[in-house]
Protein backbone atom coordinates (compact mmCIF):
# COMPACT_ATOMS: atom_id res chain seq x y z
CA UNK A 1 -19.46 220.88 105.12
CA UNK A 2 -18.62 217.28 106.12
CA UNK A 3 -16.39 215.48 103.63
CA UNK A 4 -15.25 211.84 103.68
CA UNK A 5 -12.50 210.25 101.63
CA UNK A 6 -12.40 206.46 101.34
CA UNK A 7 -8.99 204.93 100.56
CA UNK A 8 -7.99 201.35 99.79
CA UNK A 9 -5.13 201.81 102.30
CA UNK A 10 -3.04 204.67 103.66
CA UNK A 11 0.44 204.54 102.18
CA UNK A 12 3.10 206.86 100.83
CA UNK A 13 1.96 206.59 97.20
CA UNK A 14 1.34 209.69 95.13
CA UNK A 15 -2.45 209.42 94.99
CA UNK A 16 -2.69 209.17 98.76
CA UNK A 17 -0.47 212.25 99.08
CA UNK A 18 -2.86 214.20 96.86
CA UNK A 19 -5.85 213.15 98.97
CA UNK A 20 -3.93 214.11 102.12
CA UNK A 21 -3.21 217.52 100.60
CA UNK A 22 -6.89 218.01 99.73
CA UNK A 23 -7.91 216.90 103.23
CA UNK A 24 -5.45 219.33 104.84
CA UNK A 25 -6.59 222.26 102.70
CA UNK A 26 -10.27 221.51 103.27
CA UNK A 27 -9.65 221.22 107.03
CA UNK A 28 -7.87 224.58 107.05
CA UNK A 29 -10.82 226.05 105.16
CA UNK A 30 -13.08 225.00 108.04
CA UNK A 31 -14.59 221.79 106.68
CA UNK A 32 -14.96 218.60 108.73
CA UNK A 33 -12.88 215.97 106.88
CA UNK A 34 -12.78 212.24 107.65
CA UNK A 35 -10.52 209.73 105.90
CA UNK A 36 -11.45 206.04 106.02
CA UNK A 37 -8.96 203.35 104.97
CA UNK A 38 -8.27 199.66 105.30
CA UNK A 39 -5.08 198.31 106.86
CA UNK A 40 -2.27 197.61 104.40
CA UNK A 41 -2.21 193.88 103.71
CA UNK A 42 1.02 192.05 103.17
CA UNK A 43 0.57 189.43 100.49
CA UNK A 44 2.97 186.55 100.86
CA UNK A 45 3.25 184.03 98.07
CA UNK A 46 2.79 180.34 98.93
CA UNK A 47 6.39 179.69 97.85
CA UNK A 48 7.72 182.39 100.19
CA UNK A 49 5.60 180.96 103.03
CA UNK A 50 7.09 177.50 102.41
CA UNK A 51 10.64 178.87 102.29
CA UNK A 52 10.04 180.77 105.55
CA UNK A 53 8.81 177.60 107.24
CA UNK A 54 11.77 175.56 106.00
CA UNK A 55 14.36 178.16 107.00
CA UNK A 56 12.64 178.88 110.32
CA UNK A 57 12.16 182.58 109.62
CA UNK A 58 9.35 184.31 111.40
CA UNK A 59 6.27 185.34 109.53
CA UNK A 60 6.56 188.66 107.72
CA UNK A 61 5.65 191.63 109.89
CA UNK A 62 2.70 193.76 108.98
CA UNK A 63 3.68 196.98 107.28
CA UNK A 64 2.23 199.22 109.95
CA UNK A 65 5.39 201.32 109.88
CA UNK A 66 4.72 202.18 106.24
CA UNK A 67 1.50 204.05 106.83
CA UNK A 68 1.56 207.62 105.70
CA UNK A 69 2.47 210.44 108.07
CA UNK A 70 0.57 212.79 105.74
CA UNK A 71 -2.71 211.95 107.48
CA UNK A 72 -1.45 212.35 111.04
CA UNK A 73 -2.94 215.84 111.31
CA UNK A 74 -6.44 214.29 111.24
CA UNK A 75 -5.92 212.35 114.47
CA UNK A 76 -9.10 210.41 115.25
CA UNK A 77 -10.65 211.54 111.98
CA UNK A 78 -8.43 209.04 110.13
CA UNK A 79 -10.35 205.82 110.66
CA UNK A 80 -8.55 202.54 109.84
CA UNK A 81 -10.99 199.66 109.53
CA UNK A 82 -10.32 196.29 111.15
CA UNK A 83 -10.18 194.43 107.86
C-alpha cells in the first residue's frame, strides 16, 4: 500500500515523532511511505528586525539544523517543498 503523510514542517516536536514512528513501522511492514513537509519558517518580529539592523547583526539563520533526524530513514521519500 502507498501511504503519504503531510506535515506542516519537520521538527523535533512530539507529534512529528509519532508520525515518524508510524512511517518507520509501516515501512518495515512493507508499505511505501512518503512524508511531505514544508520548510520550517523563522518568524522575526518587526521590532527584532529593526534592532538587528541598528546593531548590525546579520539576519537570523534559517533553522535547517533543527529538522528532525527521525525521518532520515526515508531518504528521498521525505519531500520538503520549496515554500
